[in-house]
């Protein structure tokens, strides 16, 4: 069983993305679509806003990487203490239930460790305190790959408004990756804790409308679905099997340059390779 640690620390203007030697107005080509390459990363840190976020969005990739030998750590900013319509439910009881469900999902996936940060659900703010807390986590775990939510994804289509906690979690995660985790003089008090700077080589941003990397999860789809079913308080009597297969099949079909040997099911990400 994975270890559980609880912490209580509490597409518009892209000019900033231009290379420093690129004159303003010069076109910058978008990243080409790619397929996730071998081998799997050695150590992965996944940051999510709520229990079950990862199981819905990217647990097929987690399952595949674990199968291939990766060590995965989950960090959940909240314990989902607002996620119920039951008039008799209380926040602390719901949080305890959802923590148990997330631990069960982690056990199914083979996740090594679950870190629970203890922030209140529906109230995440990507401030300096949260950035420092995540910098501490990243420097402790020292991942080769960080997975986080997309802070630019405000809505999708005509029927989905993204949860503000997802946006806040993504913003705080990326700000922690760059520059806070890397730079020695940012949060120097962490040095006194023995936490040296760490450069995260790769970032997989999930829950995005701007995917440019696809991962074949055909070997992990069954594990993903089983892990999602562990979140009984959220899915109730609904069997997610058919819907998850449909979503993953549609995602694979969206790959614009799919190799011939690519499987039936996929998850997609905005991918960043950092020097």
C-alpha atoms as a PDB file:
ATOM      1  CA  UNK A   1       0.000   0.000   0.000  1.00  0.00           C
ATOM      2  CA  UNK A   2       1.268   3.497  -0.775  1.00  0.00           C
ATOM      3  CA  UNK A   3       2.392   5.763   2.024  1.00  0.00           C
ATOM      4  CA  UNK A   4       0.177   8.748   2.859  1.00  0.00           C
ATOM      5  CA  UNK A   5       1.616  12.049   4.078  1.00  0.00           C
ATOM      6  CA  UNK A   6      -0.587  15.030   4.907  1.00  0.00           C
ATOM      7  CA  UNK A   7       0.733  18.589   4.620  1.00  0.00           C
ATOM      8  CA  UNK A   8      -1.053  21.733   5.753  1.00  0.00           C
ATOM      9  CA  UNK A   9       1.147  24.383   4.087  1.00  0.00           C
ATOM     10  CA  UNK A  10      -1.019  26.290   3.167  1.00  0.00           C
ATOM     11  CA  UNK A  11      -4.998  31.384 -25.983  1.00  0.00           C
ATOM     12  CA  UNK A  12      -4.599  34.956 -26.041  1.00  0.00           C
ATOM     13  CA  UNK A  13      -1.364  36.939 -25.925  1.00  0.00           C
ATOM     14  CA  UNK A  14       1.663  34.662 -26.368  1.00  0.00           C
ATOM     15  CA  UNK A  15       4.360  37.326 -26.761  1.00  0.00           C
ATOM     16  CA  UNK A  16       6.018  36.072 -23.591  1.00  0.00           C
ATOM     17  CA  UNK A  17       6.525  32.704 -25.296  1.00  0.00           C
ATOM     18  CA  UNK A  18       8.616  34.161 -28.103  1.00  0.00           C
ATOM     19  CA  UNK A  19      12.312  33.294 -28.095  1.00  0.00           C
ATOM     20  CA  UNK A  20      14.411  36.200 -26.811  1.00  0.00           C
ATOM     21  CA  UNK A  21      16.142  36.520 -30.193  1.00  0.00           C
ATOM     22  CA  UNK A  22      12.885  36.509 -32.157  1.00  0.00           C
ATOM     23  CA  UNK A  23      11.679  39.947 -33.306  1.00  0.00           C
ATOM     24  CA  UNK A  24       8.146  40.881 -32.304  1.00  0.00           C
ATOM     25  CA  UNK A  25       5.763  39.924 -35.079  1.00  0.00           C
ATOM     26  CA  UNK A  26       7.804  37.026 -36.417  1.00  0.00           C
ATOM     27  CA  UNK A  27       5.728  33.856 -36.572  1.00  0.00           C
ATOM     28  CA  UNK A  28       6.651  31.064 -34.172  1.00  0.00           C
ATOM     29  CA  UNK A  29       5.670  27.625 -35.424  1.00  0.00           C
ATOM     30  CA  UNK A  30       3.484  25.567 -33.052  1.00  0.00           C
ATOM     31  CA  UNK A  31       4.977  22.388 -31.673  1.00  0.00           C
ATOM     32  CA  UNK A  32       4.404  19.408 -33.971  1.00  0.00           C
ATOM     33  CA  UNK A  33       2.146  16.620 -32.794  1.00  0.00           C
ATOM     34  CA  UNK A  34       4.131  13.767 -31.302  1.00  0.00           C
ATOM     35  CA  UNK A  35       3.674  10.322 -29.822  1.00  0.00           C
ATOM     36  CA  UNK A  36       5.058   9.602 -26.351  1.00  0.00           C
ATOM     37  CA  UNK A  37       8.462   8.025 -26.725  1.00  0.00           C
ATOM     38  CA  UNK A  38      10.125   5.140 -24.940  1.00  0.00           C
ATOM     39  CA  UNK A  39      11.302   4.521 -22.341  1.00  0.00           C
ATOM     40  CA  UNK A  40       8.935   5.441 -19.521  1.00  0.00           C
ATOM     41  CA  UNK A  41      10.189   8.064 -17.043  1.00  0.00           C
ATOM     42  CA  UNK A  42      11.852   6.819 -13.876  1.00  0.00           C
ATOM     43  CA  UNK A  43      10.124   9.134 -11.396  1.00  0.00           C
ATOM     44  CA  UNK A  44       6.825  10.973 -11.933  1.00  0.00           C
ATOM     45  CA  UNK A  45       5.069  13.568  -9.767  1.00  0.00           C
ATOM     46  CA  UNK A  46       1.392  14.101 -10.532  1.00  0.00           C
ATOM     47  CA  UNK A  47      -0.310  17.165  -9.041  1.00  0.00           C
ATOM     48  CA  UNK A  48      -4.101  17.383  -9.012  1.00  0.00           C
ATOM     49  CA  UNK A  49      -6.686  19.682  -7.474  1.00  0.00           C
ATOM     50  CA  UNK A  50      -9.070  16.959  -6.242  1.00  0.00           C
ATOM     51  CA  UNK A  51      -9.214  13.221  -5.676  1.00  0.00           C
ATOM     52  CA  UNK A  52     -10.354  11.608  -8.970  1.00  0.00           C
ATOM     53  CA  UNK A  53      -9.047  14.358 -11.302  1.00  0.00           C
ATOM     54  CA  UNK A  54      -6.181  12.179 -12.474  1.00  0.00           C
ATOM     55  CA  UNK A  55      -8.312   9.050 -12.799  1.00  0.00           C
ATOM     56  CA  UNK A  56     -10.638  10.862 -15.189  1.00  0.00           C
ATOM     57  CA  UNK A  57      -7.933  12.610 -17.207  1.00  0.00           C
ATOM     58  CA  UNK A  58      -4.603  10.815 -17.246  1.00  0.00           C
ATOM     59  CA  UNK A  59      -4.536   7.621 -15.150  1.00  0.00           C
ATOM     60  CA  UNK A  60      -4.179   5.442 -18.230  1.00  0.00           C
ATOM     61  CA  UNK A  61      -0.768   7.003 -18.775  1.00  0.00           C
ATOM     62  CA  UNK A  62       0.073   6.513 -15.095  1.00  0.00           C
ATOM     63  CA  UNK A  63      -0.935   2.850 -15.315  1.00  0.00           C
ATOM     64  CA  UNK A  64       1.184   2.306 -18.428  1.00  0.00           C
ATOM     65  CA  UNK A  65       4.238   3.981 -16.923  1.00  0.00           C
ATOM     66  CA  UNK A  66       3.942   1.993 -13.689  1.00  0.00           C
ATOM     67  CA  UNK A  67       3.718  -1.200 -15.760  1.00  0.00           C
ATOM     68  CA  UNK A  68       6.959  -0.127 -17.425  1.00  0.00           C
ATOM     69  CA  UNK A  69       8.758   0.473 -14.138  1.00  0.00           C
ATOM     70  CA  UNK A  70       8.113   4.131 -13.298  1.00  0.00           C
ATOM     71  CA  UNK A  71       7.828   5.295  -9.698  1.00  0.00           C
ATOM     72  CA  UNK A  72       4.811   7.602  -9.383  1.00  0.00           C
ATOM     73  CA  UNK A  73       3.896   9.997  -6.576  1.00  0.00           C
ATOM     74  CA  UNK A  74       0.492  11.696  -6.366  1.00  0.00           C
ATOM     75  CA  UNK A  75       0.013  15.112  -4.756  1.00  0.00           C
ATOM     76  CA  UNK A  76      -3.607  16.159  -4.185  1.00  0.00           C
ATOM     77  CA  UNK A  77      -4.046  19.792  -3.203  1.00  0.00           C
ATOM     78  CA  UNK A  78      -7.529  19.307  -1.746  1.00  0.00           C
ATOM     79  CA  UNK A  79      -9.371  16.299  -0.408  1.00  0.00           C
ATOM     80  CA  UNK A  80     -12.581  17.223  -2.229  1.00  0.00           C
ATOM     81  CA  UNK A  81     -14.538  18.229   0.869  1.00  0.00           C
ATOM     82  CA  UNK A  82     -17.203  20.084  -1.154  1.00  0.00           C
ATOM     83  CA  UNK A  83     -17.946  17.350  -3.700  1.00  0.00           C
ATOM     84  CA  UNK A  84     -21.369  16.121  -2.577  1.00  0.00           C
ATOM     85  CA  UNK A  85     -25.041  17.056  -2.978  1.00  0.00           C
ATOM     86  CA  UNK A  86     -26.005  15.043   0.100  1.00  0.00           C
ATOM     87  CA  UNK A  87     -27.619  17.479   2.598  1.00  0.00           C
ATOM     88  CA  UNK A  88     -26.409  15.287   5.454  1.00  0.00           C
ATOM     89  CA  UNK A  89     -22.766  15.208   4.357  1.00  0.00           C
ATOM     90  CA  UNK A  90     -20.140  17.170   6.257  1.00  0.00           C
ATOM     91  CA  UNK A  91     -16.892  18.459   4.848  1.00  0.00           C
ATOM     92  CA  UNK A  92     -14.576  16.508   7.182  1.00  0.00           C
ATOM     93  CA  UNK A  93     -16.470  13.253   6.636  1.00  0.00           C
ATOM     94  CA  UNK A  94     -16.445  13.710   2.879  1.00  0.00           C
ATOM     95  CA  UNK A  95     -12.738  14.572   2.871  1.00  0.00           C
ATOM     96  CA  UNK A  96     -11.937  11.415   4.840  1.00  0.00           C
ATOM     97  CA  UNK A  97     -14.008   9.320   2.430  1.00  0.00           C
ATOM     98  CA  UNK A  98     -12.374  10.811  -0.635  1.00  0.00           C
ATOM     99  CA  UNK A  99      -8.895  10.391   0.815  1.00  0.00           C
ATOM    100  CA  UNK A 100      -9.629   6.686   1.318  1.00  0.00           C
ATOM    101  CA  UNK A 101     -10.965   6.450  -2.235  1.00  0.00           C
ATOM    102  CA  UNK A 102      -7.898   8.163  -3.658  1.00  0.00           C
ATOM    103  CA  UNK A 103      -5.634   5.820  -1.707  1.00  0.00           C
ATOM    104  CA  UNK A 104      -7.563   2.845  -3.100  1.00  0.00           C
ATOM    105  CA  UNK A 105      -7.208   4.225  -6.641  1.00  0.00           C
ATOM    106  CA  UNK A 106      -3.475   4.729  -6.072  1.00  0.00           C
ATOM    107  CA  UNK A 107      -3.141   1.146  -4.873  1.00  0.00           C
ATOM    108  CA  UNK A 108      -4.881  -0.108  -8.023  1.00  0.00           C
ATOM    109  CA  UNK A 109      -2.590   1.978 -10.227  1.00  0.00           C
ATOM    110  CA  UNK A 110       0.568   1.048  -8.333  1.00  0.00           C
ATOM    111  CA  UNK A 111       1.291   4.612  -7.216  1.00  0.00           C
ATOM    112  CA  UNK A 112       4.050   4.606  -4.620  1.00  0.00           C
ATOM    113  CA  UNK A 113       2.988   7.559  -2.468  1.00  0.00           C
ATOM    114  CA  UNK A 114      -0.010   9.852  -1.981  1.00  0.00           C
ATOM    115  CA  UNK A 115       0.643  13.335  -0.605  1.00  0.00           C
ATOM    116  CA  UNK A 116      -2.427  15.140   0.739  1.00  0.00           C
ATOM    117  CA  UNK A 117      -1.922  18.887   1.038  1.00  0.00           C
ATOM    118  CA  UNK A 118      -5.103  19.686   2.975  1.00  0.00           C
ATOM    119  CA  UNK A 119      -6.271  22.811   1.146  1.00  0.00           C
ATOM    120  CA  UNK A 120     -10.059  23.499   1.233  1.00  0.00           C
ATOM    121  CA  UNK A 121     -11.960  22.395  -1.850  1.00  0.00           C
ATOM    122  CA  UNK A 122     -13.322  25.062  -4.239  1.00  0.00           C
ATOM    123  CA  UNK A 123     -11.069  27.737  -2.702  1.00  0.00           C
ATOM    124  CA  UNK A 124      -7.641  27.186  -4.240  1.00  0.00           C
ATOM    125  CA  UNK A 125      -5.664  30.348  -4.927  1.00  0.00           C
ATOM    126  CA  UNK A 126      -2.299  30.076  -6.709  1.00  0.00           C
ATOM    127  CA  UNK A 127      -0.507  32.436  -4.359  1.00  0.00           C
ATOM    128  CA  UNK A 128       3.108  32.469  -3.174  1.00  0.00           C
ATOM    129  CA  UNK A 129       2.328  30.223  -0.206  1.00  0.00           C
ATOM    130  CA  UNK A 130       0.965  27.509  -2.505  1.00  0.00           C
ATOM    131  CA  UNK A 131       3.861  27.950  -4.909  1.00  0.00           C
ATOM    132  CA  UNK A 132       6.306  27.499  -2.054  1.00  0.00           C
ATOM    133  CA  UNK A 133       4.459  24.412  -0.801  1.00  0.00           C
ATOM    134  CA  UNK A 134       4.621  22.824  -4.254  1.00  0.00           C
ATOM    135  CA  UNK A 135       8.244  23.843  -4.671  1.00  0.00           C
ATOM    136  CA  UNK A 136       8.919  21.930  -1.453  1.00  0.00           C
ATOM    137  CA  UNK A 137       7.118  18.863  -2.826  1.00  0.00           C
ATOM    138  CA  UNK A 138       8.912  18.979  -6.183  1.00  0.00           C
ATOM    139  CA  UNK A 139      12.347  19.399  -4.602  1.00  0.00           C
ATOM    140  CA  UNK A 140      11.560  16.477  -2.290  1.00  0.00           C
ATOM    141  CA  UNK A 141      10.316  14.092  -4.992  1.00  0.00           C
ATOM    142  CA  UNK A 142      12.785  15.247  -7.690  1.00  0.00           C
ATOM    143  CA  UNK A 143      10.689  14.017 -10.633  1.00  0.00           C
ATOM    144  CA  UNK A 144      11.843  13.388 -14.189  1.00  0.00           C
ATOM    145  CA  UNK A 145       8.290  14.182 -15.305  1.00  0.00           C
ATOM    146  CA  UNK A 146       5.726  16.442 -13.688  1.00  0.00           C
ATOM    147  CA  UNK A 147       2.050  16.049 -14.616  1.00  0.00           C
ATOM    148  CA  UNK A 148      -0.346  18.908 -13.872  1.00  0.00           C
ATOM    149  CA  UNK A 149      -3.577  20.505 -14.997  1.00  0.00           C
ATOM    150  CA  UNK A 150      -3.837  23.207 -17.661  1.00  0.00           C
ATOM    151  CA  UNK A 151      -4.238  26.695 -16.164  1.00  0.00           C
ATOM    152  CA  UNK A 152      -5.285  28.113 -19.555  1.00  0.00           C
ATOM    153  CA  UNK A 153      -8.276  25.792 -20.000  1.00  0.00           C
ATOM    154  CA  UNK A 154     -11.174  27.961 -18.781  1.00  0.00           C
ATOM    155  CA  UNK A 155     -13.963  26.265 -20.715  1.00  0.00           C
ATOM    156  CA  UNK A 156     -14.567  23.716 -23.453  1.00  0.00           C
ATOM    157  CA  UNK A 157     -17.255  23.680 -26.093  1.00  0.00           C
ATOM    158  CA  UNK A 158     -20.652  25.045 -25.071  1.00  0.00           C
ATOM    159  CA  UNK A 159     -21.295  22.853 -22.058  1.00  0.00           C
ATOM    160  CA  UNK A 160     -18.267  22.751 -19.770  1.00  0.00           C
ATOM    161  CA  UNK A 161     -16.777  25.401 -17.481  1.00  0.00           C
ATOM    162  CA  UNK A 162     -13.518  24.199 -15.976  1.00  0.00           C
ATOM    163  CA  UNK A 163     -13.371  24.069 -12.193  1.00  0.00           C
ATOM    164  CA  UNK A 164     -11.411  27.074 -10.849  1.00  0.00           C
ATOM    165  CA  UNK A 165      -9.427  24.707  -8.624  1.00  0.00           C
ATOM    166  CA  UNK A 166      -8.117  22.928 -11.732  1.00  0.00           C
ATOM    167  CA  UNK A 167      -6.908  26.262 -13.101  1.00  0.00           C
ATOM    168  CA  UNK A 168      -5.350  27.291  -9.788  1.00  0.00           C
ATOM    169  CA  UNK A 169      -3.611  23.921  -9.371  1.00  0.00           C
ATOM    170  CA  UNK A 170      -2.131  24.157 -12.855  1.00  0.00           C
ATOM    171  CA  UNK A 171      -0.970  27.737 -12.371  1.00  0.00           C
ATOM    172  CA  UNK A 172       0.709  27.001  -9.042  1.00  0.00           C
ATOM    173  CA  UNK A 173       2.315  23.827 -10.410  1.00  0.00           C
ATOM    174  CA  UNK A 174       3.866  25.478 -13.455  1.00  0.00           C
ATOM    175  CA  UNK A 175       5.039  28.469 -11.431  1.00  0.00           C
ATOM    176  CA  UNK A 176       6.706  26.080  -9.002  1.00  0.00           C
ATOM    177  CA  UNK A 177       8.412  24.169 -11.832  1.00  0.00           C
ATOM    178  CA  UNK A 178       9.715  27.387 -13.363  1.00  0.00           C
ATOM    179  CA  UNK A 179      11.427  29.181 -11.876  1.00  0.00           C
ATOM    180  CA  UNK A 180      10.956  28.390  -8.189  1.00  0.00           C
ATOM    181  CA  UNK A 181      12.109  24.769  -8.010  1.00  0.00           C
ATOM    182  CA  UNK A 182      15.101  25.523 -10.224  1.00  0.00           C
ATOM    183  CA  UNK A 183      16.404  28.730  -8.644  1.00  0.00           C
ATOM    184  CA  UNK A 184      18.507  28.576  -5.492  1.00  0.00           C
ATOM    185  CA  UNK A 185      17.618  32.070  -4.294  1.00  0.00           C
ATOM    186  CA  UNK A 186      13.865  31.533  -4.561  1.00  0.00           C
ATOM    187  CA  UNK A 187      12.483  30.429  -1.182  1.00  0.00           C
ATOM    188  CA  UNK A 188      15.957  30.174   0.388  1.00  0.00           C
ATOM    189  CA  UNK A 189      14.365  28.838   3.567  1.00  0.00           C
ATOM    190  CA  UNK A 190      13.895  25.557   1.724  1.00  0.00           C
ATOM    191  CA  UNK A 191      17.663  25.223   1.535  1.00  0.00           C
ATOM    192  CA  UNK A 192      17.700  25.178   5.332  1.00  0.00           C
ATOM    193  CA  UNK A 193      15.369  22.165   5.095  1.00  0.00           C
ATOM    194  CA  UNK A 194      17.945  20.401   2.945  1.00  0.00           C
ATOM    195  CA  UNK A 195      15.934  20.863  -0.249  1.00  0.00           C
ATOM    196  CA  UNK A 196      18.330  21.703  -3.054  1.00  0.00           C
ATOM    197  CA  UNK A 197      17.121  23.105  -6.396  1.00  0.00           C
ATOM    198  CA  UNK A 198      15.850  20.618  -8.958  1.00  0.00           C
ATOM    199  CA  UNK A 199      15.305  21.047 -12.698  1.00  0.00           C
ATOM    200  CA  UNK A 200      12.213  19.233 -13.980  1.00  0.00           C
ATOM    201  CA  UNK A 201      13.099  17.972 -17.472  1.00  0.00           C
ATOM    202  CA  UNK A 202       9.578  17.274 -18.797  1.00  0.00           C
ATOM    203  CA  UNK A 203       6.041  18.458 -18.062  1.00  0.00           C
ATOM    204  CA  UNK A 204       2.853  16.700 -19.201  1.00  0.00           C
ATOM    205  CA  UNK A 205      -0.125  19.073 -18.924  1.00  0.00           C
ATOM    206  CA  UNK A 206      -3.428  17.208 -18.802  1.00  0.00           C
ATOM    207  CA  UNK A 207      -7.010  18.371 -19.167  1.00  0.00           C
ATOM    208  CA  UNK A 208      -5.965  20.618 -22.049  1.00  0.00           C
ATOM    209  CA  UNK A 209      -7.508  21.894 -25.263  1.00  0.00           C
ATOM    210  CA  UNK A 210      -4.030  22.342 -26.768  1.00  0.00           C
ATOM    211  CA  UNK A 211      -2.669  18.795 -26.889  1.00  0.00           C
ATOM    212  CA  UNK A 212       0.451  18.089 -28.913  1.00  0.00           C
ATOM    213  CA  UNK A 213       1.459  14.704 -27.483  1.00  0.00           C
ATOM    214  CA  UNK A 214      -0.512  11.455 -27.414  1.00  0.00           C
ATOM    215  CA  UNK A 215       0.162   8.442 -25.169  1.00  0.00           C
ATOM    216  CA  UNK A 216      -1.064   4.993 -26.175  1.00  0.00           C
ATOM    217  CA  UNK A 217      -2.893   3.740 -23.058  1.00  0.00           C
ATOM    218  CA  UNK A 218      -4.239   0.506 -24.526  1.00  0.00           C
ATOM    219  CA  UNK A 219      -2.218  -1.452 -21.958  1.00  0.00           C
ATOM    220  CA  UNK A 220      -3.511   0.730 -19.110  1.00  0.00           C
ATOM    221  CA  UNK A 221      -7.177   1.373 -19.943  1.00  0.00           C
ATOM    222  CA  UNK A 222      -8.535  -1.421 -17.737  1.00  0.00           C
ATOM    223  CA  UNK A 223      -6.450  -0.264 -14.770  1.00  0.00           C
ATOM    224  CA  UNK A 224      -7.556   3.332 -15.347  1.00  0.00           C
ATOM    225  CA  UNK A 225     -11.216   2.325 -15.283  1.00  0.00           C
ATOM    226  CA  UNK A 226     -10.749   0.192 -12.159  1.00  0.00           C
ATOM    227  CA  UNK A 227      -9.026   3.105 -10.402  1.00  0.00           C
ATOM    228  CA  UNK A 228     -11.825   5.491 -11.369  1.00  0.00           C
ATOM    229  CA  UNK A 229     -14.395   3.088  -9.945  1.00  0.00           C
ATOM    230  CA  UNK A 230     -12.640   3.403  -6.562  1.00  0.00           C
ATOM    231  CA  UNK A 231     -14.137   6.912  -6.308  1.00  0.00           C
ATOM    232  CA  UNK A 232     -17.546   5.563  -5.327  1.00  0.00           C
ATOM    233  CA  UNK A 233     -18.699   8.771  -3.625  1.00  0.00           C
ATOM    234  CA  UNK A 234     -18.336  10.605  -6.943  1.00  0.00           C
ATOM    235  CA  UNK A 235     -19.562   8.153  -9.542  1.00  0.00           C
ATOM    236  CA  UNK A 236     -22.399   6.547  -7.545  1.00  0.00           C
ATOM    237  CA  UNK A 237     -24.226   3.908  -9.582  1.00  0.00           C
ATOM    238  CA  UNK A 238     -22.704   5.059 -12.872  1.00  0.00           C
ATOM    239  CA  UNK A 239     -20.460   2.523 -14.582  1.00  0.00           C
ATOM    240  CA  UNK A 240     -17.799   4.610 -16.348  1.00  0.00           C
ATOM    241  CA  UNK A 241     -16.441   1.749 -18.459  1.00  0.00           C
ATOM    242  CA  UNK A 242     -18.158   2.532 -21.756  1.00  0.00           C
ATOM    243  CA  UNK A 243     -17.682   6.296 -21.464  1.00  0.00           C
ATOM    244  CA  UNK A 244     -14.004   6.029 -20.582  1.00  0.00           C
ATOM    245  CA  UNK A 245     -13.410   3.673 -23.499  1.00  0.00           C
ATOM    246  CA  UNK A 246     -15.283   6.059 -25.817  1.00  0.00           C
ATOM    247  CA  UNK A 247     -13.296   9.098 -24.661  1.00  0.00           C
ATOM    248  CA  UNK A 248      -9.979   7.282 -24.978  1.00  0.00           C
ATOM    249  CA  UNK A 249     -10.908   5.956 -28.422  1.00  0.00           C
ATOM    250  CA  UNK A 250     -11.901   9.455 -29.574  1.00  0.00           C
ATOM    251  CA  UNK A 251      -8.657  10.862 -28.190  1.00  0.00           C
ATOM    252  CA  UNK A 252      -6.638   8.315 -30.151  1.00  0.00           C
ATOM    253  CA  UNK A 253      -8.582   9.250 -33.289  1.00  0.00           C
ATOM    254  CA  UNK A 254      -7.624  12.917 -32.779  1.00  0.00           C
ATOM    255  CA  UNK A 255      -3.898  12.135 -33.094  1.00  0.00           C
ATOM    256  CA  UNK A 256      -2.964  13.970 -36.310  1.00  0.00           C
ATOM    257  CA  UNK A 257       0.105  11.862 -37.044  1.00  0.00           C
ATOM    258  CA  UNK A 258      -0.757   8.505 -35.497  1.00  0.00           C
ATOM    259  CA  UNK A 259       1.747   5.702 -36.133  1.00  0.00           C
ATOM    260  CA  UNK A 260       0.422   2.530 -37.733  1.00  0.00           C
ATOM    261  CA  UNK A 261       1.113   0.500 -34.598  1.00  0.00           C
ATOM    262  CA  UNK A 262      -0.621   2.979 -32.259  1.00  0.00           C
ATOM    263  CA  UNK A 263      -3.282   1.315 -30.098  1.00  0.00           C
ATOM    264  CA  UNK A 264      -7.018   1.866 -29.821  1.00  0.00           C
ATOM    265  CA  UNK A 265      -6.950   4.073 -26.719  1.00  0.00           C
ATOM    266  CA  UNK A 266      -5.038   7.263 -25.897  1.00  0.00           C
ATOM    267  CA  UNK A 267      -4.673  10.208 -23.561  1.00  0.00           C
ATOM    268  CA  UNK A 268      -3.341  13.539 -24.774  1.00  0.00           C
ATOM    269  CA  UNK A 269      -1.242  16.262 -23.215  1.00  0.00           C
ATOM    270  CA  UNK A 270       0.380  19.626 -23.806  1.00  0.00           C
ATOM    271  CA  UNK A 271       4.032  18.607 -23.592  1.00  0.00           C
ATOM    272  CA  UNK A 272       6.957  20.711 -22.421  1.00  0.00           C
ATOM    273  CA  UNK A 273      10.631  19.706 -22.592  1.00  0.00           C
ATOM    274  CA  UNK A 274      12.666  22.080 -20.454  1.00  0.00           C
ATOM    275  CA  UNK A 275      16.402  22.705 -20.762  1.00  0.00           C
END
